[in-house]
Amino acid sequence: MLALRDAQVAGRPLAERYGITAGQMPVLELLGQGRTIREIAELLGLVEGTVKTHVSAAFKALKVPNRG
């Protein structure tokens, strides 16, 4: 699977094109691997609330309505 940070869309990195921050990238990658919010927080040394904030902000930037 191609990492989100390396994916190119119209010649620009996916993160740059959609305004995904450096803090949101590892969260999205782990989420894409099927990790839970709790697991992501533990792996990245964050509190769960911060992970949820990153997910919400990234989904908003990507215009994703929900995780379902």
C-alpha atoms as a PDB file:
ATOM      1  CA  MET A   1       0.000   0.000   0.000  1.00  0.00           C
ATOM      2  CA  LEU A   2       1.356   3.398  -0.970  1.00  0.00           C
ATOM      3  CA  ALA A   3       1.807   5.666   2.029  1.00  0.00           C
ATOM      4  CA  LEU A   4      -0.413   8.741   2.026  1.00  0.00           C
ATOM      5  CA  ARG A   5       2.572  11.057   2.422  1.00  0.00           C
ATOM      6  CA  ASP A   6       4.060   9.713  -0.827  1.00  0.00           C
ATOM      7  CA  ALA A   7       0.880   9.623  -2.907  1.00  0.00           C
ATOM      8  CA  GLN A   8       0.812  12.133  -5.737  1.00  0.00           C
ATOM      9  CA  VAL A   9      -2.281  13.856  -7.066  1.00  0.00           C
ATOM     10  CA  ALA A  10      -1.894  16.227 -10.005  1.00  0.00           C
ATOM     11  CA  GLY A  11       1.874  16.358  -9.406  1.00  0.00           C
ATOM     12  CA  ARG A  12       1.579  17.452  -5.770  1.00  0.00           C
ATOM     13  CA  PRO A  13       1.784  15.369  -2.618  1.00  0.00           C
ATOM     14  CA  LEU A  14      -1.650  14.345  -1.389  1.00  0.00           C
ATOM     15  CA  ALA A  15      -1.089  15.988   1.982  1.00  0.00           C
ATOM     16  CA  GLU A  16      -0.145  19.307   0.393  1.00  0.00           C
ATOM     17  CA  ARG A  17      -3.026  19.260  -2.045  1.00  0.00           C
ATOM     18  CA  TYR A  18      -5.638  18.711   0.657  1.00  0.00           C
ATOM     19  CA  GLY A  19      -4.014  20.632   3.486  1.00  0.00           C
ATOM     20  CA  ILE A  20      -3.234  17.637   5.674  1.00  0.00           C
ATOM     21  CA  THR A  21      -0.741  18.597   8.383  1.00  0.00           C
ATOM     22  CA  ALA A  22       2.384  16.741   9.462  1.00  0.00           C
ATOM     23  CA  GLY A  23       0.621  15.802  12.694  1.00  0.00           C
ATOM     24  CA  GLN A  24      -2.370  14.379  10.861  1.00  0.00           C
ATOM     25  CA  MET A  25      -0.391  12.209   8.430  1.00  0.00           C
ATOM     26  CA  PRO A  26       0.779   9.468  10.817  1.00  0.00           C
ATOM     27  CA  VAL A  27      -2.663   9.402  12.428  1.00  0.00           C
ATOM     28  CA  LEU A  28      -4.347   8.851   9.055  1.00  0.00           C
ATOM     29  CA  GLU A  29      -1.818   6.212   8.045  1.00  0.00           C
ATOM     30  CA  LEU A  30      -2.415   4.227  11.236  1.00  0.00           C
ATOM     31  CA  LEU A  31      -6.171   4.691  10.916  1.00  0.00           C
ATOM     32  CA  GLY A  32      -5.901   3.314   7.388  1.00  0.00           C
ATOM     33  CA  GLN A  33      -4.164   0.244   8.824  1.00  0.00           C
ATOM     34  CA  GLY A  34      -7.241  -0.392  10.953  1.00  0.00           C
ATOM     35  CA  ARG A  35      -5.782   0.840  14.238  1.00  0.00           C
ATOM     36  CA  THR A  36      -8.139   2.170  16.898  1.00  0.00           C
ATOM     37  CA  ILE A  37      -7.972   5.674  18.331  1.00  0.00           C
ATOM     38  CA  ARG A  38      -6.527   4.217  21.537  1.00  0.00           C
ATOM     39  CA  GLU A  39      -3.854   2.252  19.651  1.00  0.00           C
ATOM     40  CA  ILE A  40      -2.890   5.294  17.585  1.00  0.00           C
ATOM     41  CA  ALA A  41      -2.596   7.417  20.711  1.00  0.00           C
ATOM     42  CA  GLU A  42      -0.355   4.845  22.374  1.00  0.00           C
ATOM     43  CA  LEU A  43       1.829   4.356  19.300  1.00  0.00           C
ATOM     44  CA  LEU A  44       2.314   8.086  18.731  1.00  0.00           C
ATOM     45  CA  GLY A  45       2.537   9.101  22.374  1.00  0.00           C
ATOM     46  CA  LEU A  46      -0.578  11.263  22.178  1.00  0.00           C
ATOM     47  CA  VAL A  47      -3.746  11.480  24.222  1.00  0.00           C
ATOM     48  CA  GLU A  48      -6.881  10.087  22.604  1.00  0.00           C
ATOM     49  CA  GLY A  49      -8.445  13.542  22.381  1.00  0.00           C
ATOM     50  CA  THR A  50      -5.558  14.778  20.236  1.00  0.00           C
ATOM     51  CA  VAL A  51      -5.898  11.811  17.901  1.00  0.00           C
ATOM     52  CA  LYS A  52      -9.635  12.465  17.567  1.00  0.00           C
ATOM     53  CA  THR A  53      -8.920  16.118  16.793  1.00  0.00           C
ATOM     54  CA  HIS A  54      -6.423  15.121  14.078  1.00  0.00           C
ATOM     55  CA  VAL A  55      -8.897  12.659  12.560  1.00  0.00           C
ATOM     56  CA  SER A  56     -11.728  15.191  12.554  1.00  0.00           C
ATOM     57  CA  ALA A  57      -9.587  17.938  11.030  1.00  0.00           C
ATOM     58  CA  ALA A  58      -8.176  15.626   8.364  1.00  0.00           C
ATOM     59  CA  PHE A  59     -11.609  14.299   7.449  1.00  0.00           C
ATOM     60  CA  LYS A  60     -12.894  17.854   7.184  1.00  0.00           C
ATOM     61  CA  ALA A  61      -9.992  18.782   4.891  1.00  0.00           C
ATOM     62  CA  LEU A  62     -10.683  15.688   2.764  1.00  0.00           C
ATOM     63  CA  LYS A  63     -14.441  16.349   2.825  1.00  0.00           C
ATOM     64  CA  VAL A  64     -15.142  12.946   4.391  1.00  0.00           C
ATOM     65  CA  PRO A  65     -18.528  13.059   6.159  1.00  0.00           C
ATOM     66  CA  ASN A  66     -17.815  10.232   8.657  1.00  0.00           C
ATOM     67  CA  ARG A  67     -15.836   7.075   9.270  1.00  0.00           C
ATOM     68  CA  GLY A  68     -18.703   4.811   8.246  1.00  0.00           C
END
